[in-house]
Amino acid sequence: MRNLLAILSIVAVLYVISCARPAEPAAQAENAAPKSNAVPPAPVDDAPRITLADAKKEYDAGTAVIVDVRPESAYKDEHIKGSLNITGDTLAENINKLPKGKKIIAYCS
């Protein structure tokens, strides 16, 4: 059970970081040459998915915590009631806010 919790925590952290990463800026000049001819690898998105119904069931049962990983401004505009706002930038200093022994359900849109 401890190993499962550790794996779920790691997956949740990776998911939070991937959702909070800003987009790469576009090239400034039209004549800008690409840095290399190699095609960059596609990002790995292997975070487990959960349906809305399953997420609500887990949250209502008290077995999960919902983490909104969007910027604070978006969280203030609208968020799931009871969710925590922890962005990828603030994850290190807020990791202790995540309860132990609960499933972490992160969302970014």
N, C-alpha and C. Protein backbone atom coordinates (compact mmCIF):
# COMPACT_ATOMS: atom_id res chain seq x y z
N MET A 1 0.82 -1.19 0.00
CA MET A 1 0.00 0.00 0.00
C MET A 1 0.87 1.26 0.00
N ARG A 2 1.97 1.22 0.75
CA ARG A 2 2.87 2.37 0.81
C ARG A 2 3.49 2.64 -0.56
N ASN A 3 3.84 1.54 -1.28
CA ASN A 3 4.43 1.71 -2.62
C ASN A 3 3.42 2.32 -3.57
N LEU A 4 2.17 1.89 -3.48
CA LEU A 4 1.12 2.42 -4.34
C LEU A 4 0.94 3.91 -4.08
N LEU A 5 0.94 4.30 -2.81
CA LEU A 5 0.80 5.70 -2.46
C LEU A 5 1.97 6.51 -3.01
N ALA A 6 3.17 5.98 -2.90
CA ALA A 6 4.35 6.67 -3.43
C ALA A 6 4.26 6.84 -4.94
N ILE A 7 3.84 5.81 -5.63
CA ILE A 7 3.71 5.87 -7.10
C ILE A 7 2.65 6.89 -7.49
N LEU A 8 1.49 6.86 -6.81
CA LEU A 8 0.43 7.81 -7.12
C LEU A 8 0.88 9.24 -6.85
N SER A 9 1.63 9.44 -5.78
CA SER A 9 2.12 10.78 -5.47
C SER A 9 3.08 11.27 -6.55
N ILE A 10 3.97 10.42 -7.00
CA ILE A 10 4.93 10.79 -8.04
C ILE A 10 4.21 11.12 -9.34
N VAL A 11 3.23 10.30 -9.70
CA VAL A 11 2.47 10.54 -10.93
C VAL A 11 1.72 11.87 -10.82
N ALA A 12 1.14 12.14 -9.66
CA ALA A 12 0.40 13.39 -9.48
C ALA A 12 1.33 14.60 -9.60
N VAL A 13 2.51 14.51 -9.01
CA VAL A 13 3.47 15.60 -9.09
C VAL A 13 3.89 15.84 -10.54
N LEU A 14 4.17 14.78 -11.26
CA LEU A 14 4.55 14.92 -12.67
C LEU A 14 3.42 15.54 -13.48
N TYR A 15 2.20 15.15 -13.18
CA TYR A 15 1.04 15.69 -13.89
C TYR A 15 0.90 17.18 -13.60
N VAL A 16 1.06 17.56 -12.34
CA VAL A 16 0.97 18.96 -11.96
C VAL A 16 2.02 19.78 -12.69
N ILE A 17 3.24 19.28 -12.72
CA ILE A 17 4.33 20.00 -13.38
C ILE A 17 4.06 20.12 -14.88
N SER A 18 3.56 19.05 -15.50
CA SER A 18 3.34 19.11 -16.95
C SER A 18 2.22 20.06 -17.31
N CYS A 19 1.20 20.17 -16.48
CA CYS A 19 0.10 21.09 -16.76
C CYS A 19 0.49 22.54 -16.52
N ALA A 20 1.39 22.78 -15.62
CA ALA A 20 1.74 24.14 -15.25
C ALA A 20 2.87 24.72 -16.09
N ARG A 21 3.50 23.90 -16.91
CA ARG A 21 4.63 24.38 -17.72
C ARG A 21 4.13 25.35 -18.79
N PRO A 22 4.72 26.56 -18.91
CA PRO A 22 4.27 27.52 -19.92
C PRO A 22 4.66 27.07 -21.32
N ALA A 23 3.90 27.55 -22.28
CA ALA A 23 4.17 27.21 -23.68
C ALA A 23 5.47 27.87 -24.12
N GLU A 24 6.14 27.25 -25.08
CA GLU A 24 7.38 27.80 -25.63
C GLU A 24 7.03 29.01 -26.50
N PRO A 25 7.76 30.11 -26.42
CA PRO A 25 7.47 31.28 -27.26
C PRO A 25 7.78 30.99 -28.73
N ALA A 26 7.01 31.61 -29.59
CA ALA A 26 7.22 31.44 -31.03
C ALA A 26 8.47 32.19 -31.45
N ALA A 27 9.01 31.83 -32.59
CA ALA A 27 10.21 32.50 -33.12
C ALA A 27 9.89 33.97 -33.34
N GLN A 28 10.80 34.86 -32.97
CA GLN A 28 10.57 36.30 -33.06
C GLN A 28 10.62 36.79 -34.51
N ALA A 29 11.54 36.29 -35.27
CA ALA A 29 11.68 36.77 -36.64
C ALA A 29 11.31 35.65 -37.61
N GLU A 30 10.75 36.07 -38.72
CA GLU A 30 10.38 35.07 -39.72
C GLU A 30 11.61 34.39 -40.30
N ASN A 31 12.73 35.10 -40.36
CA ASN A 31 13.95 34.56 -40.93
C ASN A 31 14.78 33.76 -39.94
N ALA A 32 14.30 33.62 -38.74
CA ALA A 32 15.08 32.90 -37.72
C ALA A 32 15.25 31.45 -38.14
N ALA A 33 16.49 31.01 -38.14
CA ALA A 33 16.79 29.64 -38.54
C ALA A 33 16.53 28.70 -37.36
N PRO A 34 16.02 27.51 -37.63
CA PRO A 34 15.81 26.57 -36.54
C PRO A 34 17.15 26.19 -35.92
N LYS A 35 17.13 25.89 -34.63
CA LYS A 35 18.36 25.55 -33.93
C LYS A 35 18.93 24.23 -34.39
N SER A 36 18.07 23.32 -34.76
CA SER A 36 18.56 22.06 -35.30
C SER A 36 17.50 21.48 -36.23
N ASN A 37 17.92 20.52 -37.03
CA ASN A 37 16.98 19.88 -37.95
C ASN A 37 16.27 18.71 -37.30
N ALA A 38 16.70 18.34 -36.11
CA ALA A 38 16.08 17.20 -35.43
C ALA A 38 14.69 17.58 -34.94
N VAL A 39 13.78 16.65 -35.03
CA VAL A 39 12.42 16.85 -34.54
C VAL A 39 12.41 16.53 -33.05
N PRO A 40 11.94 17.47 -32.22
CA PRO A 40 11.94 17.19 -30.79
C PRO A 40 10.95 16.07 -30.46
N PRO A 41 11.25 15.28 -29.46
CA PRO A 41 10.33 14.20 -29.11
C PRO A 41 9.03 14.75 -28.55
N ALA A 42 7.97 14.04 -28.79
CA ALA A 42 6.67 14.44 -28.26
C ALA A 42 6.67 14.26 -26.75
N PRO A 43 6.00 15.17 -26.02
CA PRO A 43 5.97 15.02 -24.57
C PRO A 43 5.24 13.74 -24.17
N VAL A 44 5.72 13.14 -23.13
CA VAL A 44 5.10 11.91 -22.64
C VAL A 44 3.94 12.30 -21.74
N ASP A 45 2.78 11.84 -22.08
CA ASP A 45 1.59 12.10 -21.28
C ASP A 45 0.98 10.77 -20.91
N ASP A 46 1.54 10.15 -19.89
CA ASP A 46 1.03 8.85 -19.48
C ASP A 46 0.38 8.91 -18.10
N ALA A 47 -0.06 10.12 -17.71
CA ALA A 47 -0.74 10.26 -16.43
C ALA A 47 -2.07 9.51 -16.49
N PRO A 48 -2.39 8.78 -15.44
CA PRO A 48 -3.67 8.06 -15.44
C PRO A 48 -4.83 9.05 -15.47
N ARG A 49 -5.87 8.69 -16.15
CA ARG A 49 -7.07 9.53 -16.27
C ARG A 49 -8.16 8.98 -15.34
N ILE A 50 -9.07 9.87 -14.93
CA ILE A 50 -10.19 9.49 -14.09
C ILE A 50 -11.41 10.24 -14.62
N THR A 51 -12.55 9.59 -14.60
CA THR A 51 -13.77 10.26 -15.07
C THR A 51 -14.24 11.24 -14.01
N LEU A 52 -15.06 12.19 -14.43
CA LEU A 52 -15.62 13.16 -13.50
C LEU A 52 -16.45 12.46 -12.42
N ALA A 53 -17.22 11.47 -12.84
CA ALA A 53 -18.06 10.74 -11.87
C ALA A 53 -17.20 10.02 -10.83
N ASP A 54 -16.11 9.40 -11.28
CA ASP A 54 -15.22 8.70 -10.34
C ASP A 54 -14.50 9.69 -9.43
N ALA A 55 -14.11 10.84 -9.97
CA ALA A 55 -13.45 11.86 -9.15
C ALA A 55 -14.39 12.37 -8.07
N LYS A 56 -15.64 12.63 -8.43
CA LYS A 56 -16.62 13.11 -7.46
C LYS A 56 -16.88 12.05 -6.40
N LYS A 57 -16.97 10.81 -6.82
CA LYS A 57 -17.20 9.70 -5.89
C LYS A 57 -16.05 9.62 -4.87
N GLU A 58 -14.81 9.70 -5.34
CA GLU A 58 -13.64 9.63 -4.46
C GLU A 58 -13.60 10.84 -3.52
N TYR A 59 -13.88 12.03 -4.06
CA TYR A 59 -13.85 13.25 -3.23
C TYR A 59 -14.94 13.21 -2.17
N ASP A 60 -16.15 12.83 -2.58
CA ASP A 60 -17.27 12.76 -1.63
C ASP A 60 -17.02 11.72 -0.54
N ALA A 61 -16.31 10.66 -0.88
CA ALA A 61 -16.00 9.61 0.10
C ALA A 61 -14.86 10.02 1.02
N GLY A 62 -14.18 11.12 0.69
CA GLY A 62 -13.07 11.59 1.52
C GLY A 62 -11.77 10.84 1.26
N THR A 63 -11.70 10.12 0.14
CA THR A 63 -10.49 9.35 -0.17
C THR A 63 -9.58 10.05 -1.17
N ALA A 64 -9.97 11.27 -1.60
CA ALA A 64 -9.18 11.99 -2.60
C ALA A 64 -9.18 13.48 -2.30
N VAL A 65 -8.16 14.14 -2.78
CA VAL A 65 -8.07 15.60 -2.72
C VAL A 65 -7.93 16.09 -4.16
N ILE A 66 -8.59 17.20 -4.47
CA ILE A 66 -8.54 17.76 -5.82
C ILE A 66 -7.59 18.94 -5.82
N VAL A 67 -6.65 18.93 -6.76
CA VAL A 67 -5.64 19.98 -6.86
C VAL A 67 -5.80 20.69 -8.21
N ASP A 68 -6.04 21.99 -8.13
CA ASP A 68 -6.15 22.85 -9.32
C ASP A 68 -4.75 23.38 -9.58
N VAL A 69 -4.15 23.01 -10.70
CA VAL A 69 -2.77 23.39 -10.99
C VAL A 69 -2.66 24.61 -11.89
N ARG A 70 -3.77 25.26 -12.15
CA ARG A 70 -3.76 26.47 -12.98
C ARG A 70 -3.19 27.65 -12.20
N PRO A 71 -2.84 28.73 -12.89
CA PRO A 71 -2.36 29.93 -12.19
C PRO A 71 -3.39 30.44 -11.18
N GLU A 72 -2.91 31.16 -10.17
CA GLU A 72 -3.78 31.64 -9.10
C GLU A 72 -4.93 32.51 -9.64
N SER A 73 -4.66 33.31 -10.68
CA SER A 73 -5.71 34.17 -11.23
C SER A 73 -6.87 33.35 -11.79
N ALA A 74 -6.57 32.27 -12.47
CA ALA A 74 -7.63 31.40 -13.00
C ALA A 74 -8.37 30.71 -11.87
N TYR A 75 -7.63 30.30 -10.84
CA TYR A 75 -8.26 29.66 -9.67
C TYR A 75 -9.22 30.63 -8.99
N LYS A 76 -8.81 31.90 -8.86
CA LYS A 76 -9.67 32.89 -8.21
C LYS A 76 -10.93 33.15 -9.02
N ASP A 77 -10.82 33.09 -10.35
CA ASP A 77 -11.98 33.32 -11.21
C ASP A 77 -13.02 32.21 -11.04
N GLU A 78 -12.53 30.98 -11.00
CA GLU A 78 -13.44 29.84 -10.91
C GLU A 78 -12.64 28.59 -10.58
N HIS A 79 -13.17 27.78 -9.67
CA HIS A 79 -12.51 26.52 -9.32
C HIS A 79 -13.52 25.55 -8.69
N ILE A 80 -13.11 24.33 -8.58
CA ILE A 80 -13.93 23.31 -7.92
C ILE A 80 -13.91 23.59 -6.43
N LYS A 81 -15.08 23.66 -5.82
CA LYS A 81 -15.19 23.94 -4.38
C LYS A 81 -14.40 22.89 -3.59
N GLY A 82 -13.54 23.36 -2.71
CA GLY A 82 -12.74 22.47 -1.88
C GLY A 82 -11.41 22.08 -2.48
N SER A 83 -11.14 22.52 -3.71
CA SER A 83 -9.86 22.16 -4.35
C SER A 83 -8.74 23.04 -3.81
N LEU A 84 -7.53 22.51 -3.88
CA LEU A 84 -6.33 23.26 -3.50
C LEU A 84 -5.72 23.84 -4.76
N ASN A 85 -5.17 25.04 -4.67
CA ASN A 85 -4.48 25.64 -5.82
C ASN A 85 -2.98 25.52 -5.59
N ILE A 86 -2.38 24.54 -6.26
CA ILE A 86 -0.93 24.33 -6.19
C ILE A 86 -0.41 24.22 -7.61
N THR A 87 0.29 25.25 -8.07
CA THR A 87 0.84 25.23 -9.42
C THR A 87 2.19 24.52 -9.42
N GLY A 88 2.69 24.21 -10.59
CA GLY A 88 4.00 23.56 -10.70
C GLY A 88 5.10 24.41 -10.11
N ASP A 89 4.96 25.74 -10.24
CA ASP A 89 5.96 26.66 -9.70
C ASP A 89 6.00 26.64 -8.17
N THR A 90 4.87 26.34 -7.54
CA THR A 90 4.79 26.39 -6.08
C THR A 90 4.71 25.00 -5.45
N LEU A 91 4.88 23.98 -6.25
CA LEU A 91 4.72 22.62 -5.74
C LEU A 91 5.69 22.30 -4.61
N ALA A 92 6.95 22.66 -4.76
CA ALA A 92 7.96 22.32 -3.75
C ALA A 92 7.60 22.90 -2.38
N GLU A 93 7.18 24.16 -2.34
CA GLU A 93 6.87 24.75 -1.05
C GLU A 93 5.48 24.38 -0.51
N ASN A 94 4.62 23.79 -1.36
CA ASN A 94 3.28 23.42 -0.92
C ASN A 94 3.04 21.92 -0.84
N ILE A 95 4.08 21.13 -1.04
CA ILE A 95 3.91 19.68 -1.04
C ILE A 95 3.32 19.17 0.27
N ASN A 96 3.61 19.86 1.37
CA ASN A 96 3.09 19.43 2.68
C ASN A 96 1.60 19.69 2.83
N LYS A 97 1.00 20.48 1.95
CA LYS A 97 -0.44 20.71 1.99
C LYS A 97 -1.22 19.50 1.48
N LEU A 98 -0.53 18.62 0.75
CA LEU A 98 -1.20 17.44 0.22
C LEU A 98 -1.31 16.39 1.32
N PRO A 99 -2.53 15.94 1.60
CA PRO A 99 -2.71 14.97 2.68
C PRO A 99 -2.13 13.61 2.31
N LYS A 100 -1.57 12.96 3.30
CA LYS A 100 -1.03 11.62 3.09
C LYS A 100 -2.17 10.61 3.12
N GLY A 101 -2.04 9.59 2.30
CA GLY A 101 -3.03 8.52 2.30
C GLY A 101 -4.26 8.79 1.46
N LYS A 102 -4.26 9.87 0.69
CA LYS A 102 -5.40 10.17 -0.17
C LYS A 102 -4.94 10.21 -1.63
N LYS A 103 -5.86 9.87 -2.52
CA LYS A 103 -5.59 9.98 -3.95
C LYS A 103 -5.54 11.46 -4.30
N ILE A 104 -4.61 11.84 -5.15
CA ILE A 104 -4.46 13.21 -5.60
C ILE A 104 -5.00 13.32 -7.02
N ILE A 105 -6.04 14.11 -7.19
CA ILE A 105 -6.65 14.31 -8.49
C ILE A 105 -6.32 15.74 -8.93
N ALA A 106 -5.47 15.86 -9.94
CA ALA A 106 -5.05 17.17 -10.42
C ALA A 106 -5.80 17.51 -11.71
N TYR A 107 -6.16 18.79 -11.83
CA TYR A 107 -6.75 19.24 -13.10
C TYR A 107 -6.18 20.58 -13.49
N CYS A 108 -6.16 20.82 -14.81
CA CYS A 108 -5.57 22.06 -15.31
C CYS A 108 -6.43 22.75 -16.36
N SER A 109 -7.64 22.33 -16.54
CA SER A 109 -8.49 23.03 -17.51
C SER A 109 -9.94 22.96 -17.09
